[in-house]
Structure formats: C-alpha cells, structure tokens
Amino acid sequence: MSPPAASAVNSSQRHPLQRCDSPSKGFSGALHSCRQSKPIRQHIPTPPSPISQNNPSKNDSFGWHLQFLTILGITICTVCFTLGLLADTTCSTTLFTLKNYISLIATPLEIVISILYWGLRALDTTLVVPADHPLPALIPDLGFHFFPALFTTLDTMLLSPPWPSSPANPQAPLLTLALSAAVALLYWVWIETCFAYNGFYPYPVFQLLTTVQRLGLFAVSAATMWVAAGALRVVYAWLNGFETLEQLDKAGRAKSMGERRKWE
C-alpha cells in the first residue's frame, strides 16, 4: 500500500484532540506571525509619577514599564508566540511543547488582564488611567487589553493539545491553582518593591486601596485566573472532545507507523 499524503503524516503527529496542525507553516504559522507582526513599543504606556523634581521621571522609574501587569502579560505572550513561530518554522516538537507549557500561564493571565482592565474601566476610567493622562486610542487599547487574550485563546483551542504532556496530568486543577497563586504573589511583591523605590503604584486603583484591600484584589485576581484556566479546559473539551486512552493508543500507533513510513 502506498503511503498517504504528507498532510496525513503531519496530522498523525498531532494530538488526536488537536483541531489544527501545529507546528506547521500553515494556519499555525500565520496565527503566530500575526501576533508578532506589530511592535508594541510605540504604544507602551508610561507609569504615573508624582509632580516633584526630586522623583524620577516616568521612563526612569524603578521597574520601568514592567511595573504594568499588561506589559508583563504581553511579554509572556510574546515569548509564547515566538516559541510557537520557531516551532512552526523548524517543526520542533520540543519548542512546541515549551510553548504549550508557557501558554498555561499566558492564556489565563491575558484573560484576567482583559477582565480586570475593561471591568475597572467600565466602573471608572481613573482606576486604570490617571486622571491627568489621556485615554489610549481604541486600536492600541484593544492591542494591549483584548487581542492578546483572543490570540492566546485561539492558540489554546485550535493549535494545542489539551495539556502539554500526554496523557493530561490528573493534578491539572491543582497545578493551575498553584500557578495562579504564584503569579499573583510575585506581582504583589514586585509592585510593592517598585513602590518602595518610586513612591507610587503603576495603576491608580492600587493607590486607593489599603494593603489588606490590595491583597484581597490579588486574591480575587488569582482565583479569576484559576477559574479562567479551568474554563479553558472545559471549553476545549466541549469543542474538541475528551482525551481517552483509546485515542492516545491510536495516535501512538499512527505516529509510529508514520515514523517507520509503513502503514497498515
């Protein structure tokens, strides 16, 4: 029997629940290239600074733009999609797996950033943008606070397996809870460190809250990130199906036959 077409070989190498080929130079490469196509530096906001000659300028403040959760999220997202693009270019399963592990943080984090930003902005714009700063234009604003969540979600739903390792880790809920708590704790420690040097917080809402209230906000954010990660797995299962041992065994046989160039 003659071997199937190259596309069939590529399909046999992906997880049975993965909807589209990835890594590949097709749709996967296009999505990862699209996310990397526009530099973000020209739209990076600057942290607010009190009006004082003795305080550092906005661009020279301790922590620079990385005081912003938005910028940290975009940085992680950029690393994730860069690895995805490199995997698409080289067909490296190692880079592909590494991208999927980073996506465990990048995707739910970007969703939380979108929820927090647009939710707080709907309540009062001065909670996220200082009163003496103009509101960002719509397109850059969407580029920071909507499209990263959209692109990472599409990558998770269409171009990724249900979990970076196969079969999926049975402790996935606990692992994502630990990741969410760690991200929230590390960011809280980071902004408090920046505040100790600069005397101001990157977001006005932090300035309005007491220490206990800020801790409460971070706890709620961590819980939201954990729920977002769980919701992603639920939607993935609804869209692509549930992982079964039979499917994994069938995919393993197909991969083995593809590697040996022998089809039964």
Protein backbone atom coordinates (compact mmCIF):
# COMPACT_ATOMS: atom_id res chain seq x y z
CA MET A 1 0.00 0.00 0.00
CA SER A 2 1.39 3.41 -0.93
CA PRO A 3 2.00 5.92 1.89
CA PRO A 4 -0.59 8.67 2.42
CA ALA A 5 -0.01 12.28 1.56
CA ALA A 6 2.33 14.47 3.59
CA SER A 7 -0.62 16.23 5.23
CA ALA A 8 -1.81 12.92 6.61
CA VAL A 9 1.63 12.31 8.05
CA ASN A 10 1.54 15.72 9.74
CA SER A 11 -1.93 15.03 11.11
CA SER A 12 -0.77 11.72 12.61
CA GLN A 13 1.90 13.55 14.58
CA ARG A 14 -0.50 15.84 16.42
CA HIS A 15 -2.63 15.01 19.43
CA PRO A 16 -5.92 13.33 18.41
CA LEU A 17 -7.91 16.16 20.00
CA GLN A 18 -5.83 18.96 18.49
CA ARG A 19 -8.05 20.61 15.90
CA CYS A 20 -5.42 22.05 13.53
CA ASP A 21 -1.89 21.05 12.54
CA SER A 22 0.75 22.62 14.73
CA PRO A 23 3.63 23.08 14.48
CA SER A 24 3.15 23.83 10.81
CA LYS A 25 3.75 26.59 8.28
CA GLY A 26 0.02 26.83 7.53
CA PHE A 27 -2.62 28.32 9.81
CA SER A 28 -0.43 27.84 12.88
CA GLY A 29 2.44 29.81 11.39
CA ALA A 30 0.04 32.51 10.17
CA LEU A 31 -1.52 32.98 13.62
CA HIS A 32 1.82 33.12 15.41
CA SER A 33 3.20 35.51 12.76
CA CYS A 34 0.12 37.73 13.02
CA ARG A 35 0.62 38.14 16.77
CA GLN A 36 4.28 39.09 16.23
CA SER A 37 3.73 41.37 13.25
CA LYS A 38 3.36 44.73 15.02
CA PRO A 39 5.86 46.08 17.52
CA ILE A 40 4.25 47.10 20.80
CA ARG A 41 6.93 49.53 21.93
CA GLN A 42 5.38 52.51 20.16
CA HIS A 43 2.21 52.10 22.25
CA ILE A 44 3.75 51.21 25.63
CA PRO A 45 2.22 53.38 28.37
CA THR A 46 4.41 55.03 30.99
CA PRO A 47 3.89 54.76 34.75
CA PRO A 48 2.45 57.82 36.50
CA SER A 49 4.80 59.90 38.62
CA PRO A 50 4.04 62.49 41.33
CA ILE A 51 4.76 66.07 40.36
CA SER A 52 8.07 66.55 42.10
CA GLN A 53 11.53 67.49 40.89
CA ASN A 54 13.03 65.01 43.33
CA ASN A 55 11.18 61.99 41.93
CA PRO A 56 12.41 60.04 38.92
CA SER A 57 10.84 60.69 35.55
CA LYS A 58 8.22 58.30 34.23
CA ASN A 59 10.58 56.46 31.95
CA ASP A 60 13.38 56.30 34.50
CA SER A 61 11.35 54.98 37.44
CA PHE A 62 12.37 51.72 39.06
CA GLY A 63 10.79 48.78 37.25
CA TRP A 64 10.33 50.79 34.04
CA HIS A 65 7.28 49.67 32.01
CA LEU A 66 7.45 46.22 33.57
CA GLN A 67 5.57 47.63 36.57
CA PHE A 68 2.42 47.17 34.48
CA LEU A 69 0.69 43.80 34.58
CA THR A 70 -0.37 44.49 30.99
CA ILE A 71 3.25 44.74 29.84
CA LEU A 72 4.29 41.67 31.82
CA GLY A 73 1.41 39.73 30.25
CA ILE A 74 2.31 40.86 26.74
CA THR A 75 5.95 39.94 27.38
CA ILE A 76 4.99 36.39 28.40
CA CYS A 77 2.58 36.19 25.46
CA THR A 78 5.32 37.35 23.07
CA VAL A 79 7.73 34.70 24.36
CA CYS A 80 4.98 32.08 23.98
CA PHE A 81 4.18 33.02 20.38
CA THR A 82 7.84 33.42 19.45
CA LEU A 83 8.41 29.83 20.54
CA GLY A 84 5.32 28.83 18.57
CA LEU A 85 6.60 30.59 15.45
CA LEU A 86 10.03 29.00 15.81
CA ALA A 87 8.36 25.61 16.24
CA ASP A 88 6.31 26.25 13.09
CA THR A 89 9.44 27.19 11.16
CA THR A 90 11.60 24.30 12.35
CA CYS A 91 8.84 21.73 13.07
CA SER A 92 10.45 21.29 16.50
CA THR A 93 8.28 19.31 18.89
CA THR A 94 10.49 20.47 21.79
CA LEU A 95 9.77 24.16 21.09
CA PHE A 96 6.11 23.30 20.54
CA THR A 97 5.88 21.60 23.94
CA LEU A 98 7.68 24.50 25.63
CA LYS A 99 5.22 26.92 24.02
CA ASN A 100 2.33 24.88 25.39
CA TYR A 101 3.75 24.95 28.93
CA ILE A 102 4.19 28.75 28.82
CA SER A 103 0.66 29.02 27.45
CA LEU A 104 -0.60 27.56 30.75
CA ILE A 105 0.33 30.94 32.24
CA ALA A 106 -0.01 33.27 29.25
CA THR A 107 -3.57 32.43 28.21
CA PRO A 108 -5.43 32.66 31.56
CA LEU A 109 -3.29 35.65 32.55
CA GLU A 110 -4.25 37.56 29.40
CA ILE A 111 -7.91 36.73 30.04
CA VAL A 112 -7.64 38.08 33.59
CA ILE A 113 -5.92 41.24 32.34
CA SER A 114 -8.79 41.83 29.90
CA ILE A 115 -11.44 41.22 32.56
CA LEU A 116 -9.75 43.48 35.12
CA TYR A 117 -8.94 46.29 32.71
CA TRP A 118 -12.29 46.54 30.95
CA GLY A 119 -14.21 45.87 34.18
CA LEU A 120 -12.41 48.60 36.14
CA ARG A 121 -12.53 50.96 33.18
CA ALA A 122 -16.31 50.47 32.93
CA LEU A 123 -16.62 51.44 36.60
CA ASP A 124 -14.27 54.43 36.46
CA THR A 125 -11.54 55.14 33.93
CA THR A 126 -9.40 56.82 36.59
CA LEU A 127 -8.97 53.43 38.29
CA VAL A 128 -6.67 52.28 35.48
CA VAL A 129 -5.62 55.54 33.78
CA PRO A 130 -4.52 58.55 35.87
CA ALA A 131 -6.93 61.48 35.70
CA ASP A 132 -4.27 63.73 34.15
CA HIS A 133 -3.45 61.18 31.42
CA PRO A 134 -5.45 60.94 28.16
CA LEU A 135 -7.27 57.69 27.48
CA PRO A 136 -5.44 55.50 24.95
CA ALA A 137 -6.80 55.33 21.40
CA LEU A 138 -9.14 52.41 20.72
CA ILE A 139 -6.86 50.34 18.46
CA PRO A 140 -3.78 50.44 20.74
CA ASP A 141 -6.09 49.84 23.72
CA LEU A 142 -7.51 46.71 22.09
CA GLY A 143 -3.97 45.70 21.15
CA PHE A 144 -2.98 45.74 24.80
CA HIS A 145 -6.13 44.56 26.55
CA PHE A 146 -8.13 42.38 24.14
CA PHE A 147 -6.19 40.91 21.22
CA PRO A 148 -3.54 39.13 23.33
CA ALA A 149 -6.32 37.25 25.13
CA LEU A 150 -8.02 36.49 21.80
CA PHE A 151 -4.85 35.21 20.10
CA THR A 152 -3.72 33.06 23.03
CA THR A 153 -7.22 31.59 23.38
CA LEU A 154 -7.31 30.71 19.68
CA ASP A 155 -3.89 29.08 20.03
CA THR A 156 -5.09 27.06 23.02
CA MET A 157 -8.34 25.93 21.41
CA LEU A 158 -7.14 25.21 17.87
CA LEU A 159 -3.38 24.65 17.89
CA SER A 160 -2.62 22.94 21.19
CA PRO A 161 -3.23 19.59 22.87
CA PRO A 162 -5.47 19.53 25.96
CA TRP A 163 -2.33 19.51 28.15
CA PRO A 164 1.37 19.91 27.24
CA SER A 165 2.09 16.33 28.32
CA SER A 166 0.11 13.30 27.21
CA PRO A 167 -1.89 11.91 28.85
CA ALA A 168 -3.04 15.03 30.66
CA ASN A 169 -1.80 15.48 34.21
CA PRO A 170 -4.56 14.37 36.62
CA GLN A 171 -3.42 17.12 39.01
CA ALA A 172 -4.05 19.85 36.39
CA PRO A 173 -6.55 21.81 38.56
CA LEU A 174 -4.12 21.93 41.50
CA LEU A 175 -1.21 22.85 39.24
CA THR A 176 -3.12 25.74 37.65
CA LEU A 177 -4.23 26.89 41.12
CA ALA A 178 -0.60 26.91 42.26
CA LEU A 179 0.46 28.79 39.11
CA SER A 180 -2.30 31.38 39.56
CA ALA A 181 -1.41 31.95 43.22
CA ALA A 182 2.30 32.21 42.37
CA VAL A 183 1.70 34.78 39.62
CA ALA A 184 -0.47 36.92 41.91
CA LEU A 185 2.01 36.69 44.81
CA LEU A 186 5.03 37.50 42.65
CA TYR A 187 3.30 40.52 41.08
CA TRP A 188 2.23 41.82 44.50
CA VAL A 189 5.81 41.55 45.80
CA TRP A 190 7.08 43.20 42.60
CA ILE A 191 4.81 46.27 42.72
CA GLU A 192 5.45 46.74 46.43
CA THR A 193 9.19 46.68 45.68
CA CYS A 194 8.69 49.25 42.92
CA PHE A 195 6.58 51.39 45.28
CA ALA A 196 9.35 51.32 47.88
CA TYR A 197 11.71 52.90 45.30
CA ASN A 198 9.30 55.17 43.41
CA GLY A 199 6.68 56.19 45.95
CA PHE A 200 3.80 55.44 43.55
CA TYR A 201 1.96 52.47 42.10
CA PRO A 202 1.61 51.78 38.35
CA TYR A 203 -2.20 51.73 38.49
CA PRO A 204 -4.28 54.37 40.32
CA VAL A 205 -6.55 51.71 41.81
CA PHE A 206 -3.65 50.40 43.91
CA GLN A 207 -3.13 53.87 45.38
CA LEU A 208 -6.75 53.96 46.57
CA LEU A 209 -6.60 50.64 48.41
CA THR A 210 -5.10 49.72 51.75
CA THR A 211 -2.55 46.92 51.98
CA VAL A 212 -5.24 44.45 53.06
CA GLN A 213 -7.52 45.56 50.24
CA ARG A 214 -4.72 45.17 47.69
CA LEU A 215 -4.11 41.67 48.98
CA GLY A 216 -7.81 40.98 48.56
CA LEU A 217 -7.68 42.26 44.98
CA PHE A 218 -4.74 39.99 44.19
CA ALA A 219 -6.51 37.02 45.80
CA VAL A 220 -9.58 37.65 43.65
CA SER A 221 -7.34 38.01 40.58
CA ALA A 222 -5.61 34.70 41.35
CA ALA A 223 -8.99 33.00 41.76
CA THR A 224 -10.17 34.51 38.47
CA MET A 225 -7.05 33.26 36.70
CA TRP A 226 -7.64 29.76 38.11
CA VAL A 227 -11.29 29.82 37.01
CA ALA A 228 -10.22 31.06 33.55
CA ALA A 229 -7.75 28.15 33.25
CA GLY A 230 -10.50 25.70 34.24
CA ALA A 231 -12.96 27.30 31.85
CA LEU A 232 -10.43 26.95 29.03
CA ARG A 233 -10.17 23.21 29.68
CA VAL A 234 -13.98 22.87 29.78
CA VAL A 235 -14.43 24.78 26.51
CA TYR A 236 -11.58 22.78 24.95
CA ALA A 237 -13.33 19.52 25.88
CA TRP A 238 -16.67 20.83 24.56
CA LEU A 239 -15.08 21.95 21.29
CA ASN A 240 -12.59 19.13 20.67
CA GLY A 241 -13.70 16.24 22.89
CA PHE A 242 -12.29 14.41 25.89
CA GLU A 243 -8.97 12.61 25.99
CA THR A 244 -9.27 8.82 26.22
CA LEU A 245 -6.68 6.05 26.44
CA GLU A 246 -8.07 4.55 23.23
CA GLN A 247 -7.45 7.79 21.35
CA LEU A 248 -3.92 8.06 22.72
CA ASP A 249 -3.15 4.46 21.76
CA LYS A 250 -4.49 5.03 18.24
CA ALA A 251 -2.46 8.24 17.88
CA GLY A 252 0.65 6.46 19.14
CA ARG A 253 0.28 3.71 16.55
CA ALA A 254 -0.27 6.27 13.78
CA LYS A 255 2.83 8.21 14.84
CA SER A 256 4.90 5.04 14.97
CA MET A 257 3.77 3.98 11.50
CA GLY A 258 4.46 7.48 10.18
CA GLU A 259 7.99 7.42 11.54
CA ARG A 260 8.63 3.98 10.01
CA ARG A 261 6.95 5.01 6.74
CA LYS A 262 4.89 1.86 6.97
CA TRP A 263 1.09 1.96 7.05
CA GLU A 264 -1.09 -0.99 7.93
